[in-house]
N, C-alpha and C. Protein backbone atom coordinates (compact mmCIF):
# COMPACT_ATOMS: atom_id res chain seq x y z
N MET A 1 -27.88 -31.20 -13.18
CA MET A 1 -27.87 -29.91 -12.51
C MET A 1 -26.66 -29.75 -11.60
N VAL A 2 -26.31 -30.83 -10.92
CA VAL A 2 -25.16 -30.79 -10.02
C VAL A 2 -23.87 -30.60 -10.82
N SER A 3 -23.81 -31.24 -11.98
CA SER A 3 -22.61 -31.11 -12.80
C SER A 3 -22.43 -29.68 -13.31
N ILE A 4 -23.53 -28.98 -13.60
CA ILE A 4 -23.45 -27.58 -14.03
C ILE A 4 -22.96 -26.70 -12.89
N LEU A 5 -23.44 -26.98 -11.68
CA LEU A 5 -23.00 -26.24 -10.50
C LEU A 5 -21.51 -26.45 -10.25
N ILE A 6 -21.07 -27.69 -10.37
CA ILE A 6 -19.65 -27.99 -10.19
C ILE A 6 -18.82 -27.29 -11.26
N LEU A 7 -19.29 -27.29 -12.49
CA LEU A 7 -18.58 -26.62 -13.57
C LEU A 7 -18.50 -25.11 -13.31
N ALA A 8 -19.59 -24.51 -12.88
CA ALA A 8 -19.60 -23.07 -12.61
C ALA A 8 -18.65 -22.72 -11.46
N LEU A 9 -18.68 -23.51 -10.39
CA LEU A 9 -17.78 -23.26 -9.26
C LEU A 9 -16.32 -23.46 -9.65
N SER A 10 -16.05 -24.45 -10.48
CA SER A 10 -14.68 -24.69 -10.95
C SER A 10 -14.19 -23.54 -11.83
N ALA A 11 -15.06 -23.06 -12.69
CA ALA A 11 -14.68 -21.93 -13.55
C ALA A 11 -14.43 -20.68 -12.72
N ALA A 12 -15.26 -20.44 -11.72
CA ALA A 12 -15.07 -19.28 -10.85
C ALA A 12 -13.76 -19.40 -10.07
N ALA A 13 -13.45 -20.59 -9.59
CA ALA A 13 -12.19 -20.80 -8.87
C ALA A 13 -10.99 -20.61 -9.79
N LEU A 14 -11.11 -21.05 -11.02
CA LEU A 14 -10.02 -20.89 -11.98
C LEU A 14 -9.78 -19.41 -12.29
N VAL A 15 -10.85 -18.65 -12.48
CA VAL A 15 -10.72 -17.21 -12.74
C VAL A 15 -10.09 -16.51 -11.54
N LYS A 16 -10.54 -16.86 -10.35
CA LYS A 16 -9.99 -16.26 -9.13
C LYS A 16 -8.49 -16.59 -9.00
N PHE A 17 -8.12 -17.83 -9.26
CA PHE A 17 -6.72 -18.22 -9.21
C PHE A 17 -5.89 -17.45 -10.24
N ALA A 18 -6.42 -17.32 -11.45
CA ALA A 18 -5.69 -16.60 -12.51
C ALA A 18 -5.48 -15.14 -12.13
N LEU A 19 -6.49 -14.50 -11.55
CA LEU A 19 -6.34 -13.10 -11.12
C LEU A 19 -5.31 -12.96 -10.01
N HIS A 20 -5.33 -13.86 -9.05
CA HIS A 20 -4.35 -13.80 -7.97
C HIS A 20 -2.94 -14.08 -8.49
N GLN A 21 -2.81 -15.01 -9.41
CA GLN A 21 -1.50 -15.31 -10.00
C GLN A 21 -0.96 -14.10 -10.76
N TRP A 22 -1.80 -13.46 -11.57
CA TRP A 22 -1.40 -12.27 -12.32
C TRP A 22 -0.96 -11.18 -11.36
N ARG A 23 -1.72 -10.96 -10.31
CA ARG A 23 -1.39 -9.91 -9.35
C ARG A 23 -0.06 -10.20 -8.65
N MET A 24 0.19 -11.44 -8.30
CA MET A 24 1.45 -11.79 -7.63
C MET A 24 2.64 -11.60 -8.57
N ILE A 25 2.46 -11.86 -9.84
CA ILE A 25 3.55 -11.66 -10.80
C ILE A 25 3.95 -10.21 -10.84
N TRP A 26 2.99 -9.30 -10.98
CA TRP A 26 3.38 -7.90 -11.09
C TRP A 26 3.73 -7.29 -9.75
N LEU A 27 3.21 -7.83 -8.63
CA LEU A 27 3.64 -7.33 -7.32
C LEU A 27 5.08 -7.74 -7.02
N THR A 28 5.45 -8.94 -7.44
CA THR A 28 6.83 -9.38 -7.26
C THR A 28 7.78 -8.50 -8.06
N THR A 29 7.39 -8.16 -9.26
CA THR A 29 8.20 -7.27 -10.09
C THR A 29 8.28 -5.89 -9.47
N ALA A 30 7.17 -5.39 -8.97
CA ALA A 30 7.13 -4.03 -8.41
C ALA A 30 7.98 -3.90 -7.15
N ASN A 31 8.23 -4.99 -6.46
CA ASN A 31 9.00 -4.94 -5.22
C ASN A 31 10.51 -5.08 -5.43
N GLN A 32 10.94 -5.13 -6.68
CA GLN A 32 12.37 -5.23 -6.94
C GLN A 32 13.03 -3.86 -6.74
N PRO A 33 14.29 -3.85 -6.34
CA PRO A 33 14.98 -2.57 -6.13
C PRO A 33 15.23 -1.84 -7.46
N LEU A 34 15.29 -0.53 -7.36
CA LEU A 34 15.52 0.31 -8.53
C LEU A 34 16.92 0.89 -8.49
N SER A 35 17.48 1.13 -9.67
CA SER A 35 18.82 1.69 -9.75
C SER A 35 18.76 3.21 -9.76
N ASP A 36 19.91 3.83 -9.64
CA ASP A 36 19.98 5.29 -9.68
C ASP A 36 19.80 5.84 -11.10
N SER A 37 20.00 5.00 -12.10
CA SER A 37 19.85 5.47 -13.48
C SER A 37 18.41 5.88 -13.77
N LEU A 38 17.46 5.20 -13.15
CA LEU A 38 16.05 5.58 -13.35
C LEU A 38 15.80 6.97 -12.79
N ARG A 39 16.36 7.25 -11.65
CA ARG A 39 16.17 8.57 -11.05
C ARG A 39 16.72 9.66 -11.95
N SER A 40 17.88 9.42 -12.53
CA SER A 40 18.47 10.44 -13.38
C SER A 40 17.70 10.62 -14.69
N VAL A 41 17.17 9.53 -15.24
CA VAL A 41 16.42 9.63 -16.49
C VAL A 41 15.03 10.20 -16.25
N ALA A 42 14.34 9.71 -15.22
CA ALA A 42 12.95 10.11 -14.99
C ALA A 42 12.83 11.39 -14.16
N GLY A 43 13.86 11.70 -13.40
CA GLY A 43 13.77 12.87 -12.53
C GLY A 43 12.87 12.64 -11.35
N ILE A 44 12.72 11.38 -10.94
CA ILE A 44 11.85 11.00 -9.83
C ILE A 44 12.70 10.29 -8.79
N GLU A 45 12.52 10.64 -7.54
CA GLU A 45 13.19 9.92 -6.48
C GLU A 45 12.62 8.50 -6.42
N THR A 46 13.49 7.50 -6.44
CA THR A 46 13.01 6.12 -6.49
C THR A 46 12.24 5.73 -5.24
N ASP A 47 12.53 6.36 -4.10
CA ASP A 47 11.82 6.03 -2.88
C ASP A 47 10.44 6.67 -2.81
N SER A 48 10.22 7.69 -3.61
CA SER A 48 8.95 8.42 -3.51
C SER A 48 8.07 8.23 -4.75
N ILE A 49 8.18 7.10 -5.43
CA ILE A 49 7.33 6.84 -6.59
C ILE A 49 5.91 6.61 -6.09
N GLY A 50 5.00 7.41 -6.60
CA GLY A 50 3.62 7.32 -6.17
C GLY A 50 2.66 7.19 -7.33
N ALA A 51 1.39 7.20 -7.00
CA ALA A 51 0.35 7.04 -8.01
C ALA A 51 0.39 8.16 -9.04
N GLN A 52 0.80 9.34 -8.63
CA GLN A 52 0.83 10.49 -9.53
C GLN A 52 1.93 10.37 -10.58
N ASP A 53 2.89 9.48 -10.41
CA ASP A 53 4.01 9.32 -11.34
C ASP A 53 3.71 8.35 -12.48
N PHE A 54 2.56 7.71 -12.46
CA PHE A 54 2.25 6.69 -13.46
C PHE A 54 2.29 7.25 -14.88
N GLY A 55 1.63 8.37 -15.10
CA GLY A 55 1.59 8.96 -16.44
C GLY A 55 2.96 9.36 -16.93
N THR A 56 3.77 9.93 -16.04
CA THR A 56 5.13 10.33 -16.40
C THR A 56 5.97 9.11 -16.80
N LEU A 57 5.84 8.04 -16.03
CA LEU A 57 6.62 6.84 -16.32
C LEU A 57 6.16 6.16 -17.61
N MET A 58 4.86 6.13 -17.85
CA MET A 58 4.37 5.54 -19.11
C MET A 58 4.80 6.38 -20.31
N LYS A 59 4.79 7.69 -20.16
CA LYS A 59 5.25 8.57 -21.24
C LYS A 59 6.73 8.32 -21.51
N LEU A 60 7.50 8.18 -20.45
CA LEU A 60 8.93 7.93 -20.57
C LEU A 60 9.20 6.58 -21.23
N CYS A 61 8.35 5.59 -20.95
CA CYS A 61 8.48 4.28 -21.61
C CYS A 61 8.33 4.45 -23.12
N GLY A 62 7.39 5.27 -23.54
CA GLY A 62 7.19 5.50 -24.96
C GLY A 62 8.32 6.28 -25.59
N GLU A 63 8.94 7.19 -24.83
CA GLU A 63 10.06 7.98 -25.36
C GLU A 63 11.34 7.16 -25.44
N VAL A 64 11.59 6.35 -24.42
CA VAL A 64 12.83 5.56 -24.39
C VAL A 64 12.80 4.47 -25.46
N SER A 65 11.67 3.78 -25.54
CA SER A 65 11.54 2.72 -26.54
C SER A 65 10.07 2.54 -26.88
N PRO A 66 9.68 2.91 -28.08
CA PRO A 66 8.27 2.75 -28.47
C PRO A 66 7.79 1.31 -28.40
N ASN A 67 8.67 0.35 -28.60
CA ASN A 67 8.29 -1.06 -28.57
C ASN A 67 8.13 -1.59 -27.15
N LEU A 68 8.61 -0.85 -26.18
CA LEU A 68 8.56 -1.31 -24.79
C LEU A 68 7.14 -1.55 -24.33
N LYS A 69 6.22 -0.67 -24.71
CA LYS A 69 4.83 -0.83 -24.29
C LYS A 69 4.18 -2.06 -24.90
N ARG A 70 4.56 -2.40 -26.12
CA ARG A 70 3.96 -3.55 -26.78
C ARG A 70 4.63 -4.86 -26.41
N ASN A 71 5.93 -4.83 -26.17
CA ASN A 71 6.68 -6.07 -25.98
C ASN A 71 6.84 -6.51 -24.53
N THR A 72 6.55 -5.65 -23.60
CA THR A 72 6.75 -5.98 -22.19
C THR A 72 5.53 -6.72 -21.65
N PRO A 73 5.76 -7.90 -21.07
CA PRO A 73 4.63 -8.65 -20.52
C PRO A 73 3.97 -7.88 -19.37
N TRP A 74 2.67 -7.86 -19.36
CA TRP A 74 1.83 -7.32 -18.29
C TRP A 74 1.78 -5.80 -18.24
N LEU A 75 2.55 -5.08 -19.01
CA LEU A 75 2.54 -3.62 -18.94
C LEU A 75 1.19 -3.06 -19.38
N ARG A 76 0.65 -3.59 -20.43
CA ARG A 76 -0.65 -3.13 -20.91
C ARG A 76 -1.75 -3.44 -19.89
N GLU A 77 -1.69 -4.65 -19.29
CA GLU A 77 -2.70 -5.04 -18.31
C GLU A 77 -2.62 -4.16 -17.07
N VAL A 78 -1.41 -3.84 -16.63
CA VAL A 78 -1.24 -2.97 -15.47
C VAL A 78 -1.76 -1.58 -15.79
N LYS A 79 -1.56 -1.13 -17.02
CA LYS A 79 -2.09 0.18 -17.43
C LYS A 79 -3.62 0.19 -17.35
N TYR A 80 -4.26 -0.87 -17.81
CA TYR A 80 -5.72 -0.97 -17.73
C TYR A 80 -6.18 -1.07 -16.28
N TYR A 81 -5.45 -1.81 -15.48
CA TYR A 81 -5.79 -1.95 -14.06
C TYR A 81 -5.70 -0.60 -13.36
N TYR A 82 -4.64 0.14 -13.66
CA TYR A 82 -4.47 1.48 -13.09
C TYR A 82 -5.67 2.37 -13.46
N ALA A 83 -6.06 2.33 -14.73
CA ALA A 83 -7.19 3.15 -15.18
C ALA A 83 -8.48 2.73 -14.49
N ALA A 84 -8.67 1.43 -14.31
CA ALA A 84 -9.88 0.94 -13.65
C ALA A 84 -9.92 1.36 -12.17
N VAL A 85 -8.79 1.25 -11.49
CA VAL A 85 -8.74 1.65 -10.08
C VAL A 85 -8.92 3.15 -9.94
N ALA A 86 -8.33 3.92 -10.86
CA ALA A 86 -8.49 5.38 -10.82
C ALA A 86 -9.95 5.76 -11.04
N ALA A 87 -10.61 5.11 -11.97
CA ALA A 87 -12.03 5.38 -12.22
C ALA A 87 -12.88 4.98 -11.02
N LEU A 88 -12.55 3.85 -10.41
CA LEU A 88 -13.27 3.39 -9.22
C LEU A 88 -13.07 4.37 -8.07
N GLN A 89 -11.85 4.85 -7.91
CA GLN A 89 -11.57 5.80 -6.85
C GLN A 89 -12.35 7.10 -7.07
N LYS A 90 -12.41 7.54 -8.31
CA LYS A 90 -13.13 8.77 -8.62
C LYS A 90 -14.63 8.59 -8.41
N ALA A 91 -15.17 7.45 -8.82
CA ALA A 91 -16.60 7.21 -8.69
C ALA A 91 -17.04 7.02 -7.23
N LEU A 92 -16.19 6.37 -6.45
CA LEU A 92 -16.54 6.07 -5.06
C LEU A 92 -15.87 6.99 -4.04
N LYS A 93 -15.37 8.11 -4.50
CA LYS A 93 -14.65 9.02 -3.60
C LYS A 93 -15.48 9.45 -2.39
N PRO A 94 -16.76 9.78 -2.55
CA PRO A 94 -17.54 10.16 -1.37
C PRO A 94 -17.69 9.02 -0.36
N ILE A 95 -17.74 7.80 -0.86
CA ILE A 95 -17.93 6.65 0.03
C ILE A 95 -16.61 6.24 0.68
N LEU A 96 -15.54 6.23 -0.09
CA LEU A 96 -14.23 5.76 0.38
C LEU A 96 -13.29 6.93 0.69
N ARG A 97 -13.74 7.89 1.43
CA ARG A 97 -12.92 9.08 1.69
C ARG A 97 -11.58 8.76 2.33
N ASN A 98 -11.58 7.91 3.32
CA ASN A 98 -10.35 7.64 4.07
C ASN A 98 -9.67 6.34 3.66
N SER A 99 -10.13 5.71 2.61
CA SER A 99 -9.55 4.45 2.19
C SER A 99 -8.28 4.69 1.39
N ALA A 100 -7.23 4.02 1.78
CA ALA A 100 -5.95 4.16 1.08
C ALA A 100 -5.74 3.03 0.07
N TRP A 101 -6.72 2.15 -0.06
CA TRP A 101 -6.55 1.00 -0.95
C TRP A 101 -6.28 1.43 -2.38
N ALA A 102 -7.09 2.32 -2.93
CA ALA A 102 -6.96 2.71 -4.33
C ALA A 102 -5.63 3.39 -4.59
N SER A 103 -5.23 4.31 -3.74
CA SER A 103 -3.95 4.99 -3.97
C SER A 103 -2.78 4.03 -3.79
N ASN A 104 -2.90 3.06 -2.90
CA ASN A 104 -1.85 2.05 -2.74
C ASN A 104 -1.73 1.19 -3.99
N GLU A 105 -2.87 0.77 -4.55
CA GLU A 105 -2.85 -0.03 -5.78
C GLU A 105 -2.25 0.77 -6.94
N MET A 106 -2.62 2.03 -7.04
CA MET A 106 -2.09 2.87 -8.11
C MET A 106 -0.60 3.13 -7.93
N SER A 107 -0.14 3.24 -6.69
CA SER A 107 1.30 3.39 -6.43
C SER A 107 2.06 2.13 -6.84
N LEU A 108 1.45 0.97 -6.57
CA LEU A 108 2.09 -0.29 -6.98
C LEU A 108 2.18 -0.39 -8.50
N CYS A 109 1.17 0.10 -9.19
CA CYS A 109 1.22 0.12 -10.65
C CYS A 109 2.35 1.02 -11.13
N SER A 110 2.49 2.18 -10.52
CA SER A 110 3.58 3.10 -10.88
C SER A 110 4.93 2.46 -10.61
N ARG A 111 5.03 1.78 -9.50
CA ARG A 111 6.28 1.11 -9.14
C ARG A 111 6.61 0.01 -10.16
N PHE A 112 5.59 -0.73 -10.62
CA PHE A 112 5.80 -1.76 -11.63
C PHE A 112 6.37 -1.16 -12.91
N VAL A 113 5.78 -0.06 -13.36
CA VAL A 113 6.26 0.59 -14.58
C VAL A 113 7.69 1.09 -14.38
N ALA A 114 8.00 1.60 -13.19
CA ALA A 114 9.36 2.07 -12.91
C ALA A 114 10.36 0.92 -12.97
N VAL A 115 10.01 -0.23 -12.44
CA VAL A 115 10.91 -1.40 -12.47
C VAL A 115 11.11 -1.88 -13.90
N VAL A 116 10.03 -1.94 -14.68
CA VAL A 116 10.14 -2.37 -16.08
C VAL A 116 11.03 -1.41 -16.85
N LEU A 117 10.83 -0.12 -16.64
CA LEU A 117 11.65 0.89 -17.31
C LEU A 117 13.11 0.78 -16.86
N ASP A 118 13.33 0.58 -15.59
CA ASP A 118 14.69 0.44 -15.06
C ASP A 118 15.38 -0.78 -15.64
N GLN A 119 14.66 -1.89 -15.74
CA GLN A 119 15.25 -3.10 -16.33
C GLN A 119 15.61 -2.87 -17.80
N HIS A 120 14.74 -2.19 -18.51
CA HIS A 120 15.02 -1.89 -19.92
C HIS A 120 16.24 -0.99 -20.05
N LEU A 121 16.35 0.02 -19.20
CA LEU A 121 17.51 0.91 -19.25
C LEU A 121 18.79 0.17 -18.93
N SER A 122 18.73 -0.77 -17.98
CA SER A 122 19.92 -1.54 -17.62
C SER A 122 20.37 -2.43 -18.78
N VAL A 123 19.43 -3.08 -19.42
CA VAL A 123 19.77 -3.94 -20.56
C VAL A 123 20.33 -3.11 -21.71
N ASP A 124 19.70 -1.96 -21.95
CA ASP A 124 20.16 -1.07 -23.01
C ASP A 124 21.57 -0.56 -22.72
N PHE A 125 21.84 -0.21 -21.48
CA PHE A 125 23.16 0.26 -21.09
C PHE A 125 24.20 -0.85 -21.27
N ASP A 126 23.85 -2.08 -20.88
CA ASP A 126 24.77 -3.21 -21.04
C ASP A 126 25.05 -3.50 -22.52
N ARG A 127 24.04 -3.38 -23.36
CA ARG A 127 24.25 -3.59 -24.80
C ARG A 127 25.20 -2.55 -25.38
N ARG A 128 24.98 -1.30 -25.00
CA ARG A 128 25.85 -0.24 -25.50
C ARG A 128 27.28 -0.41 -25.01
N ALA A 129 27.45 -0.83 -23.78
CA ALA A 129 28.79 -1.07 -23.25
C ALA A 129 29.47 -2.22 -23.97
N ALA A 130 28.71 -3.26 -24.30
CA ALA A 130 29.26 -4.41 -25.04
C ALA A 130 29.68 -3.99 -26.45
N VAL A 131 28.92 -3.14 -27.08
CA VAL A 131 29.25 -2.68 -28.44
C VAL A 131 30.50 -1.84 -28.41
N ARG A 132 30.63 -0.98 -27.41
CA ARG A 132 31.82 -0.13 -27.31
C ARG A 132 33.08 -0.92 -27.04
N SER A 133 32.95 -2.00 -26.25
CA SER A 133 34.14 -2.78 -25.89
C SER A 133 34.56 -3.72 -27.03
N SER A 134 33.69 -3.96 -27.99
CA SER A 134 34.01 -4.87 -29.09
C SER A 134 34.88 -4.23 -30.12
């Protein structure tokens, strides 16, 4: 019985660690600086990226490169996380009226997508410049 308890506690600790590790990976990415090229392509001020920009940025990811959504690590998971937090915010809106947690999490998701898109645009621009110079 004790061994089952130890196994259950170890599994719970492992899941908790994995979730925290995943969150730190995408938070680190989301905190990277953005270039001006993203602003010109997306039409969004880089300093004012918010939760409401998530759909626009995901749509732009699909327009710029259809493979970007499938090939980028964590983009799909962040999309699901955004949807889950948005649903939670909608369901608990009467209870969490003044809570900024959900909108902050959704803004971080938008920022992550903006950084991924910006990195893709930078790599694409560098490739095109290399082809032209060859």
